[in-house]
All heavy atoms as atom14 arrays in JSON, in Angstrom:
{
  "sequence": "TIPKELDEAAKVDGASHARIFFTMTLRLVMPILVTVFMLSFVG",
  "atom14_mask": [
    [1, 1, 1, 1, 1, 1, 1, 0, 0, 0, 0, 0, 0, 0],
    [1, 1, 1, 1, 1, 1, 1, 1, 0, 0, 0, 0, 0, 0],
    [1, 1, 1, 1, 1, 1, 1, 0, 0, 0, 0, 0, 0, 0],
    [1, 1, 1, 1, 1, 1, 1, 1, 1, 0, 0, 0, 0, 0],
    [1, 1, 1, 1, 1, 1, 1, 1, 1, 0, 0, 0, 0, 0],
    [1, 1, 1, 1, 1, 1, 1, 1, 0, 0, 0, 0, 0, 0],
    [1, 1, 1, 1, 1, 1, 1, 1, 0, 0, 0, 0, 0, 0],
    [1, 1, 1, 1, 1, 1, 1, 1, 1, 0, 0, 0, 0, 0],
    [1, 1, 1, 1, 1, 0, 0, 0, 0, 0, 0, 0, 0, 0],
    [1, 1, 1, 1, 1, 0, 0, 0, 0, 0, 0, 0, 0, 0],
    [1, 1, 1, 1, 1, 1, 1, 1, 1, 0, 0, 0, 0, 0],
    [1, 1, 1, 1, 1, 1, 1, 0, 0, 0, 0, 0, 0, 0],
    [1, 1, 1, 1, 1, 1, 1, 1, 0, 0, 0, 0, 0, 0],
    [1, 1, 1, 1, 0, 0, 0, 0, 0, 0, 0, 0, 0, 0],
    [1, 1, 1, 1, 1, 0, 0, 0, 0, 0, 0, 0, 0, 0],
    [1, 1, 1, 1, 1, 1, 0, 0, 0, 0, 0, 0, 0, 0],
    [1, 1, 1, 1, 1, 1, 1, 1, 1, 1, 0, 0, 0, 0],
    [1, 1, 1, 1, 1, 0, 0, 0, 0, 0, 0, 0, 0, 0],
    [1, 1, 1, 1, 1, 1, 1, 1, 1, 1, 1, 0, 0, 0],
    [1, 1, 1, 1, 1, 1, 1, 1, 0, 0, 0, 0, 0, 0],
    [1, 1, 1, 1, 1, 1, 1, 1, 1, 1, 1, 0, 0, 0],
    [1, 1, 1, 1, 1, 1, 1, 1, 1, 1, 1, 0, 0, 0],
    [1, 1, 1, 1, 1, 1, 1, 0, 0, 0, 0, 0, 0, 0],
    [1, 1, 1, 1, 1, 1, 1, 1, 0, 0, 0, 0, 0, 0],
    [1, 1, 1, 1, 1, 1, 1, 0, 0, 0, 0, 0, 0, 0],
    [1, 1, 1, 1, 1, 1, 1, 1, 0, 0, 0, 0, 0, 0],
    [1, 1, 1, 1, 1, 1, 1, 1, 1, 1, 1, 0, 0, 0],
    [1, 1, 1, 1, 1, 1, 1, 1, 0, 0, 0, 0, 0, 0],
    [1, 1, 1, 1, 1, 1, 1, 0, 0, 0, 0, 0, 0, 0],
    [1, 1, 1, 1, 1, 1, 1, 1, 0, 0, 0, 0, 0, 0],
    [1, 1, 1, 1, 1, 1, 1, 0, 0, 0, 0, 0, 0, 0],
    [1, 1, 1, 1, 1, 1, 1, 1, 0, 0, 0, 0, 0, 0],
    [1, 1, 1, 1, 1, 1, 1, 1, 0, 0, 0, 0, 0, 0],
    [1, 1, 1, 1, 1, 1, 1, 0, 0, 0, 0, 0, 0, 0],
    [1, 1, 1, 1, 1, 1, 1, 0, 0, 0, 0, 0, 0, 0],
    [1, 1, 1, 1, 1, 1, 1, 0, 0, 0, 0, 0, 0, 0],
    [1, 1, 1, 1, 1, 1, 1, 1, 1, 1, 1, 0, 0, 0],
    [1, 1, 1, 1, 1, 1, 1, 1, 0, 0, 0, 0, 0, 0],
    [1, 1, 1, 1, 1, 1, 1, 1, 0, 0, 0, 0, 0, 0],
    [1, 1, 1, 1, 1, 1, 0, 0, 0, 0, 0, 0, 0, 0],
    [1, 1, 1, 1, 1, 1, 1, 1, 1, 1, 1, 0, 0, 0],
    [1, 1, 1, 1, 1, 1, 1, 0, 0, 0, 0, 0, 0, 0],
    [1, 1, 1, 1, 0, 0, 0, 0, 0, 0, 0, 0, 0, 0]
  ],
  "atom14_positions": [
    [[-3.52, 11.4, -80.73], [-2.44, 11.44, -81.71], [-2.36, 12.78, -82.45], [-1.37, 13.04, -83.12], [-2.64, 10.32, -82.75], [-3.87, 10.52, -83.46], [-2.67, 8.95, -82.07], [0.0, 0.0, 0.0], [0.0, 0.0, 0.0], [0.0, 0.0, 0.0], [0.0, 0.0, 0.0], [0.0, 0.0, 0.0], [0.0, 0.0, 0.0], [0.0, 0.0, 0.0]],
    [[-3.39, 13.61, -82.33], [-3.38, 14.93, -82.97], [-2.54, 15.88, -82.11], [-2.8, 16.03, -80.91], [-4.8, 15.48, -83.13], [-5.68, 14.47, -83.87], [-4.78, 16.81, -83.86], [-5.2, 14.11, -85.25], [0.0, 0.0, 0.0], [0.0, 0.0, 0.0], [0.0, 0.0, 0.0], [0.0, 0.0, 0.0], [0.0, 0.0, 0.0], [0.0, 0.0, 0.0]],
    [[-1.52, 16.53, -82.66], [-0.68, 17.42, -81.86], [-1.49, 18.55, -81.22], [-2.31, 19.19, -81.88], [0.34, 17.96, -82.87], [0.34, 16.97, -83.98], [-1.05, 16.42, -84.06], [0.0, 0.0, 0.0], [0.0, 0.0, 0.0], [0.0, 0.0, 0.0], [0.0, 0.0, 0.0], [0.0, 0.0, 0.0], [0.0, 0.0, 0.0], [0.0, 0.0, 0.0]],
    [[-1.25, 18.78, -79.96], [-1.95, 19.86, -79.25], [-1.47, 21.24, -79.7], [-2.15, 22.23, -79.43], [-1.75, 19.7, -77.74], [-2.37, 18.43, -77.18], [-2.18, 18.35, -75.67], [-2.82, 17.07, -75.12], [-2.66, 16.96, -73.65], [0.0, 0.0, 0.0], [0.0, 0.0, 0.0], [0.0, 0.0, 0.0], [0.0, 0.0, 0.0], [0.0, 0.0, 0.0]],
    [[-0.31, 21.29, -80.33], [0.17, 22.58, -80.83], [-0.77, 23.18, -81.87], [-0.85, 24.41, -82.0], [1.57, 22.41, -81.44], [2.68, 22.14, -80.42], [2.68, 20.72, -79.92], [1.94, 19.88, -80.51], [3.41, 20.41, -78.95], [0.0, 0.0, 0.0], [0.0, 0.0, 0.0], [0.0, 0.0, 0.0], [0.0, 0.0, 0.0], [0.0, 0.0, 0.0]],
    [[-1.51, 22.33, -82.59], [-2.47, 22.85, -83.55], [-3.6, 23.59, -82.84], [-4.05, 24.65, -83.3], [-3.03, 21.7, -84.39], [-2.02, 20.94, -85.27], [-2.72, 19.78, -85.97], [-1.4, 21.89, -86.29], [0.0, 0.0, 0.0], [0.0, 0.0, 0.0], [0.0, 0.0, 0.0], [0.0, 0.0, 0.0], [0.0, 0.0, 0.0], [0.0, 0.0, 0.0]],
    [[-4.05, 23.04, -81.72], [-5.1, 23.72, -80.95], [-4.59, 25.04, -80.38], [-5.31, 26.05, -80.38], [-5.58, 22.81, -79.82], [-6.24, 21.55, -80.34], [-6.33, 21.4, -81.58], [-6.68, 20.71, -79.52], [0.0, 0.0, 0.0], [0.0, 0.0, 0.0], [0.0, 0.0, 0.0], [0.0, 0.0, 0.0], [0.0, 0.0, 0.0], [0.0, 0.0, 0.0]],
    [[-3.36, 25.01, -79.89], [-2.81, 26.23, -79.3], [-2.63, 27.32, -80.36], [-2.88, 28.5, -80.1], [-1.48, 25.92, -78.63], [-1.61, 24.95, -77.46], [-0.26, 24.55, -76.89], [0.77, 24.98, -77.49], [-0.23, 23.81, -75.89], [0.0, 0.0, 0.0], [0.0, 0.0, 0.0], [0.0, 0.0, 0.0], [0.0, 0.0, 0.0], [0.0, 0.0, 0.0]],
    [[-2.21, 26.92, -81.56], [-2.06, 27.91, -82.64], [-3.41, 28.48, -83.03], [-3.54, 29.69, -83.32], [-1.38, 27.26, -83.84], [0.0, 0.0, 0.0], [0.0, 0.0, 0.0], [0.0, 0.0, 0.0], [0.0, 0.0, 0.0], [0.0, 0.0, 0.0], [0.0, 0.0, 0.0], [0.0, 0.0, 0.0], [0.0, 0.0, 0.0], [0.0, 0.0, 0.0]],
    [[-4.44, 27.65, -83.04], [-5.78, 28.14, -83.39], [-6.32, 29.07, -82.3], [-7.01, 30.06, -82.59], [-6.72, 26.97, -83.6], [0.0, 0.0, 0.0], [0.0, 0.0, 0.0], [0.0, 0.0, 0.0], [0.0, 0.0, 0.0], [0.0, 0.0, 0.0], [0.0, 0.0, 0.0], [0.0, 0.0, 0.0], [0.0, 0.0, 0.0], [0.0, 0.0, 0.0]],
    [[-6.0, 28.78, -81.04], [-6.46, 29.65, -79.94], [-5.78, 31.02, -80.02], [-6.4, 32.05, -79.69], [-6.15, 28.99, -78.6], [-7.0, 27.77, -78.31], [-6.61, 27.14, -76.97], [-7.42, 25.89, -76.69], [-7.03, 25.23, -75.41], [0.0, 0.0, 0.0], [0.0, 0.0, 0.0], [0.0, 0.0, 0.0], [0.0, 0.0, 0.0], [0.0, 0.0, 0.0]],
    [[-4.52, 31.03, -80.44], [-3.83, 32.32, -80.6], [-4.53, 33.18, -81.64], [-4.62, 34.42, -81.51], [-2.36, 32.08, -80.97], [-1.67, 33.39, -81.33], [-1.62, 31.39, -79.83], [0.0, 0.0, 0.0], [0.0, 0.0, 0.0], [0.0, 0.0, 0.0], [0.0, 0.0, 0.0], [0.0, 0.0, 0.0], [0.0, 0.0, 0.0], [0.0, 0.0, 0.0]],
    [[-5.07, 32.53, -82.68], [-5.8, 33.27, -83.72], [-7.23, 33.62, -83.31], [-7.96, 34.21, -84.11], [-5.84, 32.43, -85.01], [-4.45, 32.25, -85.61], [-3.59, 33.1, -85.33], [-4.24, 31.26, -86.33], [0.0, 0.0, 0.0], [0.0, 0.0, 0.0], [0.0, 0.0, 0.0], [0.0, 0.0, 0.0], [0.0, 0.0, 0.0], [0.0, 0.0, 0.0]],
    [[-7.6, 33.27, -82.08], [-8.93, 33.64, -81.57], [-10.0, 32.59, -81.76], [-11.19, 32.89, -81.57], [0.0, 0.0, 0.0], [0.0, 0.0, 0.0], [0.0, 0.0, 0.0], [0.0, 0.0, 0.0], [0.0, 0.0, 0.0], [0.0, 0.0, 0.0], [0.0, 0.0, 0.0], [0.0, 0.0, 0.0], [0.0, 0.0, 0.0], [0.0, 0.0, 0.0]],
    [[-9.66, 31.36, -82.13], [-10.66, 30.31, -82.33], [-11.1, 29.74, -80.99], [-10.29, 29.57, -80.07], [-10.08, 29.21, -83.21], [0.0, 0.0, 0.0], [0.0, 0.0, 0.0], [0.0, 0.0, 0.0], [0.0, 0.0, 0.0], [0.0, 0.0, 0.0], [0.0, 0.0, 0.0], [0.0, 0.0, 0.0], [0.0, 0.0, 0.0], [0.0, 0.0, 0.0]],
    [[-12.37, 29.45, -80.87], [-12.92, 28.85, -79.66], [-12.8, 27.32, -79.73], [-12.42, 26.75, -80.76], [-14.38, 29.23, -79.49], [-15.14, 28.76, -80.59], [0.0, 0.0, 0.0], [0.0, 0.0, 0.0], [0.0, 0.0, 0.0], [0.0, 0.0, 0.0], [0.0, 0.0, 0.0], [0.0, 0.0, 0.0], [0.0, 0.0, 0.0], [0.0, 0.0, 0.0]],
    [[-13.14, 26.64, -78.62], [-13.08, 25.18, -78.61], [-14.04, 24.59, -79.64], [-13.71, 23.6, -80.31], [-13.42, 24.65, -77.21], [-12.33, 24.84, -76.22], [-11.13, 24.15, -76.28], [-12.24, 25.65, -75.13], [-10.35, 24.51, -75.27], [-11.0, 25.42, -74.55], [0.0, 0.0, 0.0], [0.0, 0.0, 0.0], [0.0, 0.0, 0.0], [0.0, 0.0, 0.0]],
    [[-15.22, 25.18, -79.77], [-16.19, 24.66, -80.73], [-15.69, 24.8, -82.17], [-15.82, 23.88, -82.98], [-17.52, 25.4, -80.57], [0.0, 0.0, 0.0], [0.0, 0.0, 0.0], [0.0, 0.0, 0.0], [0.0, 0.0, 0.0], [0.0, 0.0, 0.0], [0.0, 0.0, 0.0], [0.0, 0.0, 0.0], [0.0, 0.0, 0.0], [0.0, 0.0, 0.0]],
    [[-15.09, 25.93, -82.48], [-14.59, 26.12, -83.84], [-13.42, 25.21, -84.13], [-13.31, 24.66, -85.23], [-14.18, 27.58, -84.03], [-13.76, 27.9, -85.46], [-13.51, 29.39, -85.65], [-13.17, 29.69, -87.04], [-12.9, 30.9, -87.48], [-12.94, 31.93, -86.64], [-12.6, 31.09, -88.75], [0.0, 0.0, 0.0], [0.0, 0.0, 0.0], [0.0, 0.0, 0.0]],
    [[-12.54, 25.02, -83.15], [-11.42, 24.09, -83.34], [-11.93, 22.67, -83.55], [-11.44, 21.93, -84.41], [-10.47, 24.16, -82.12], [-9.83, 25.54, -82.02], [-9.41, 23.07, -82.2], [-9.02, 25.75, -80.76], [0.0, 0.0, 0.0], [0.0, 0.0, 0.0], [0.0, 0.0, 0.0], [0.0, 0.0, 0.0], [0.0, 0.0, 0.0], [0.0, 0.0, 0.0]],
    [[-12.95, 22.32, -82.79], [-13.48, 20.96, -82.87], [-14.15, 20.69, -84.21], [-13.88, 19.68, -84.87], [-14.47, 20.74, -81.72], [-15.17, 19.41, -81.76], [-14.49, 18.25, -81.45], [-16.51, 19.33, -82.11], [-15.14, 17.03, -81.49], [-17.16, 18.12, -82.15], [-16.47, 16.96, -81.84], [0.0, 0.0, 0.0], [0.0, 0.0, 0.0], [0.0, 0.0, 0.0]],
    [[-15.01, 21.6, -84.65], [-15.81, 21.34, -85.85], [-15.04, 21.62, -87.14], [-15.26, 20.93, -88.14], [-17.08, 22.19, -85.83], [-18.12, 21.69, -84.85], [-18.33, 22.36, -83.65], [-18.86, 20.57, -85.13], [-19.28, 21.91, -82.75], [-19.81, 20.1, -84.24], [-20.02, 20.77, -83.04], [0.0, 0.0, 0.0], [0.0, 0.0, 0.0], [0.0, 0.0, 0.0]],
    [[-14.18, 22.59, -87.17], [-13.53, 22.98, -88.42], [-12.14, 22.38, -88.61], [-11.66, 22.33, -89.74], [-13.4, 24.52, -88.49], [-12.58, 24.98, -87.4], [-14.77, 25.17, -88.4], [0.0, 0.0, 0.0], [0.0, 0.0, 0.0], [0.0, 0.0, 0.0], [0.0, 0.0, 0.0], [0.0, 0.0, 0.0], [0.0, 0.0, 0.0], [0.0, 0.0, 0.0]],
    [[-11.51, 21.91, -87.54], [-10.14, 21.42, -87.68], [-9.98, 19.98, -87.19], [-9.51, 19.12, -87.94], [-9.17, 22.34, -86.93], [-7.7, 21.97, -87.13], [-6.6, 23.1, -86.26], [-7.01, 22.69, -84.56], [0.0, 0.0, 0.0], [0.0, 0.0, 0.0], [0.0, 0.0, 0.0], [0.0, 0.0, 0.0], [0.0, 0.0, 0.0], [0.0, 0.0, 0.0]],
    [[-10.4, 19.72, -85.97], [-10.12, 18.41, -85.39], [-10.9, 17.29, -86.07], [-10.34, 16.21, -86.34], [-10.45, 18.43, -83.88], [-9.78, 19.53, -83.26], [-10.02, 17.14, -83.23], [0.0, 0.0, 0.0], [0.0, 0.0, 0.0], [0.0, 0.0, 0.0], [0.0, 0.0, 0.0], [0.0, 0.0, 0.0], [0.0, 0.0, 0.0], [0.0, 0.0, 0.0]],
    [[-12.17, 17.53, -86.35], [-12.98, 16.48, -86.97], [-12.44, 16.08, -88.34], [-12.56, 14.92, -88.74], [-14.43, 16.95, -87.1], [-15.22, 17.05, -85.8], [-16.67, 17.43, -86.1], [-15.18, 15.74, -85.02], [0.0, 0.0, 0.0], [0.0, 0.0, 0.0], [0.0, 0.0, 0.0], [0.0, 0.0, 0.0], [0.0, 0.0, 0.0], [0.0, 0.0, 0.0]],
    [[-11.85, 17.0, -89.07], [-11.27, 16.66, -90.37], [-10.03, 15.79, -90.22], [-9.77, 14.92, -91.05], [-10.92, 17.93, -91.13], [-12.12, 18.8, -91.47], [-11.69, 20.04, -92.24], [-12.84, 20.9, -92.55], [-12.75, 22.06, -93.2], [-11.55, 22.48, -93.62], [-13.83, 22.77, -93.44], [0.0, 0.0, 0.0], [0.0, 0.0, 0.0], [0.0, 0.0, 0.0]],
    [[-9.28, 16.01, -89.15], [-8.05, 15.24, -88.95], [-8.32, 13.84, -88.44], [-7.48, 12.96, -88.59], [-7.13, 15.99, -87.98], [-6.63, 17.37, -88.44], [-5.82, 18.03, -87.33], [-5.81, 17.25, -89.71], [0.0, 0.0, 0.0], [0.0, 0.0, 0.0], [0.0, 0.0, 0.0], [0.0, 0.0, 0.0], [0.0, 0.0, 0.0], [0.0, 0.0, 0.0]],
    [[-9.46, 13.63, -87.81], [-9.79, 12.32, -87.23], [-10.87, 11.61, -88.04], [-11.58, 10.75, -87.52], [-10.23, 12.46, -85.76], [-9.12, 13.04, -84.9], [-11.48, 13.32, -85.66], [0.0, 0.0, 0.0], [0.0, 0.0, 0.0], [0.0, 0.0, 0.0], [0.0, 0.0, 0.0], [0.0, 0.0, 0.0], [0.0, 0.0, 0.0], [0.0, 0.0, 0.0]],
    [[-10.99, 11.95, -89.31], [-12.04, 11.36, -90.14], [-11.96, 9.84, -90.22], [-13.0, 9.17, -90.22], [-11.99, 11.98, -91.54], [-13.16, 11.58, -92.42], [-14.77, 12.02, -91.69], [-14.64, 13.82, -91.68], [0.0, 0.0, 0.0], [0.0, 0.0, 0.0], [0.0, 0.0, 0.0], [0.0, 0.0, 0.0], [0.0, 0.0, 0.0], [0.0, 0.0, 0.0]],
    [[-10.77, 9.2, -90.3], [-10.75, 7.72, -90.36], [-11.42, 7.06, -89.17], [-12.18, 6.1, -89.33], [-9.25, 7.4, -90.42], [-8.65, 8.6, -91.05], [-9.43, 9.77, -90.53], [0.0, 0.0, 0.0], [0.0, 0.0, 0.0], [0.0, 0.0, 0.0], [0.0, 0.0, 0.0], [0.0, 0.0, 0.0], [0.0, 0.0, 0.0], [0.0, 0.0, 0.0]],
    [[-11.18, 7.57, -87.96], [-11.79, 6.93, -86.79], [-13.27, 7.24, -86.71], [-14.06, 6.42, -86.22], [-11.06, 7.38, -85.5], [-11.45, 6.49, -84.32], [-11.35, 8.83, -85.19], [-11.06, 5.06, -84.48], [0.0, 0.0, 0.0], [0.0, 0.0, 0.0], [0.0, 0.0, 0.0], [0.0, 0.0, 0.0], [0.0, 0.0, 0.0], [0.0, 0.0, 0.0]],
    [[-13.7, 8.38, -87.23], [-15.13, 8.69, -87.25], [-15.86, 7.73, -88.19], [-16.96, 7.26, -87.87], [-15.35, 10.13, -87.69], [-14.79, 11.23, -86.78], [-15.12, 12.6, -87.34], [-15.34, 11.1, -85.37], [0.0, 0.0, 0.0], [0.0, 0.0, 0.0], [0.0, 0.0, 0.0], [0.0, 0.0, 0.0], [0.0, 0.0, 0.0], [0.0, 0.0, 0.0]],
    [[-15.25, 7.46, -89.33], [-15.86, 6.5, -90.27], [-15.89, 5.1, -89.66], [-16.87, 4.35, -89.82], [-15.08, 6.5, -91.59], [-15.61, 5.43, -92.54], [-15.17, 7.87, -92.26], [0.0, 0.0, 0.0], [0.0, 0.0, 0.0], [0.0, 0.0, 0.0], [0.0, 0.0, 0.0], [0.0, 0.0, 0.0], [0.0, 0.0, 0.0], [0.0, 0.0, 0.0]],
    [[-14.85, 4.74, -88.92], [-14.8, 3.43, -88.28], [-15.91, 3.29, -87.26], [-16.63, 2.28, -87.22], [-13.44, 3.23, -87.62], [-12.41, 3.33, -88.6], [-13.37, 1.88, -86.95], [0.0, 0.0, 0.0], [0.0, 0.0, 0.0], [0.0, 0.0, 0.0], [0.0, 0.0, 0.0], [0.0, 0.0, 0.0], [0.0, 0.0, 0.0], [0.0, 0.0, 0.0]],
    [[-16.06, 4.29, -86.4], [-17.12, 4.24, -85.37], [-18.49, 4.24, -86.02], [-19.41, 3.54, -85.57], [-16.95, 5.43, -84.4], [-18.13, 5.5, -83.43], [-15.65, 5.29, -83.63], [0.0, 0.0, 0.0], [0.0, 0.0, 0.0], [0.0, 0.0, 0.0], [0.0, 0.0, 0.0], [0.0, 0.0, 0.0], [0.0, 0.0, 0.0], [0.0, 0.0, 0.0]],
    [[-18.66, 5.0, -87.1], [-19.94, 5.01, -87.8], [-20.26, 3.62, -88.36], [-21.39, 3.14, -88.25], [-19.89, 6.03, -88.93], [-21.12, 6.01, -89.82], [-22.27, 6.65, -89.42], [-21.1, 5.33, -91.03], [-23.4, 6.62, -90.23], [-22.22, 5.3, -91.84], [-23.38, 5.94, -91.43], [0.0, 0.0, 0.0], [0.0, 0.0, 0.0], [0.0, 0.0, 0.0]],
    [[-19.28, 2.96, -88.95], [-19.51, 1.64, -89.51], [-19.86, 0.63, -88.42], [-20.8, -0.16, -88.57], [-18.28, 1.19, -90.28], [-18.01, 1.98, -91.54], [-16.49, 1.45, -92.37], [-16.87, -0.27, -92.69], [0.0, 0.0, 0.0], [0.0, 0.0, 0.0], [0.0, 0.0, 0.0], [0.0, 0.0, 0.0], [0.0, 0.0, 0.0], [0.0, 0.0, 0.0]],
    [[-19.13, 0.64, -87.34], [-19.42, -0.29, -86.25], [-20.79, -0.04, -85.65], [-21.54, -0.99, -85.35], [-18.33, -0.17, -85.18], [-16.91, -0.56, -85.6], [-15.93, -0.32, -84.45], [-16.86, -2.01, -86.04], [0.0, 0.0, 0.0], [0.0, 0.0, 0.0], [0.0, 0.0, 0.0], [0.0, 0.0, 0.0], [0.0, 0.0, 0.0], [0.0, 0.0, 0.0]],
    [[-21.15, 1.22, -85.48], [-22.46, 1.55, -84.94], [-23.57, 1.16, -85.91], [-24.62, 0.63, -85.52], [-22.55, 3.04, -84.61], [-21.58, 3.42, -83.67], [0.0, 0.0, 0.0], [0.0, 0.0, 0.0], [0.0, 0.0, 0.0], [0.0, 0.0, 0.0], [0.0, 0.0, 0.0], [0.0, 0.0, 0.0], [0.0, 0.0, 0.0], [0.0, 0.0, 0.0]],
    [[-23.35, 1.41, -87.2], [-24.37, 1.09, -88.2], [-24.63, -0.41, -88.25], [-25.79, -0.84, -88.26], [-23.91, 1.59, -89.57], [-24.91, 1.36, -90.68], [-25.86, 2.33, -90.96], [-24.9, 0.19, -91.42], [-26.79, 2.14, -91.97], [-25.81, -0.02, -92.43], [-26.76, 0.95, -92.7], [0.0, 0.0, 0.0], [0.0, 0.0, 0.0], [0.0, 0.0, 0.0]],
    [[-23.59, -1.2, -88.28], [-23.76, -2.65, -88.33], [-24.45, -3.16, -87.06], [-25.33, -4.03, -87.11], [-22.4, -3.35, -88.53], [-22.54, -4.86, -88.45], [-21.81, -2.96, -89.87], [0.0, 0.0, 0.0], [0.0, 0.0, 0.0], [0.0, 0.0, 0.0], [0.0, 0.0, 0.0], [0.0, 0.0, 0.0], [0.0, 0.0, 0.0], [0.0, 0.0, 0.0]],
    [[-24.06, -2.61, -85.9], [-24.69, -3.04, -84.66], [-26.16, -2.69, -84.59], [-26.99, -3.52, -84.17], [0.0, 0.0, 0.0], [0.0, 0.0, 0.0], [0.0, 0.0, 0.0], [0.0, 0.0, 0.0], [0.0, 0.0, 0.0], [0.0, 0.0, 0.0], [0.0, 0.0, 0.0], [0.0, 0.0, 0.0], [0.0, 0.0, 0.0], [0.0, 0.0, 0.0]]
  ]
}
């Protein structure tokens, strides 16, 4: 659901896949990360 145009814009600025993943994408998908953490913790 995260637009790929954000990744392409970051690549134009010289960002690598790791930087895009850790500094941009993880912040945008925080709700699902919390959900997976909760399910894993309870299990």
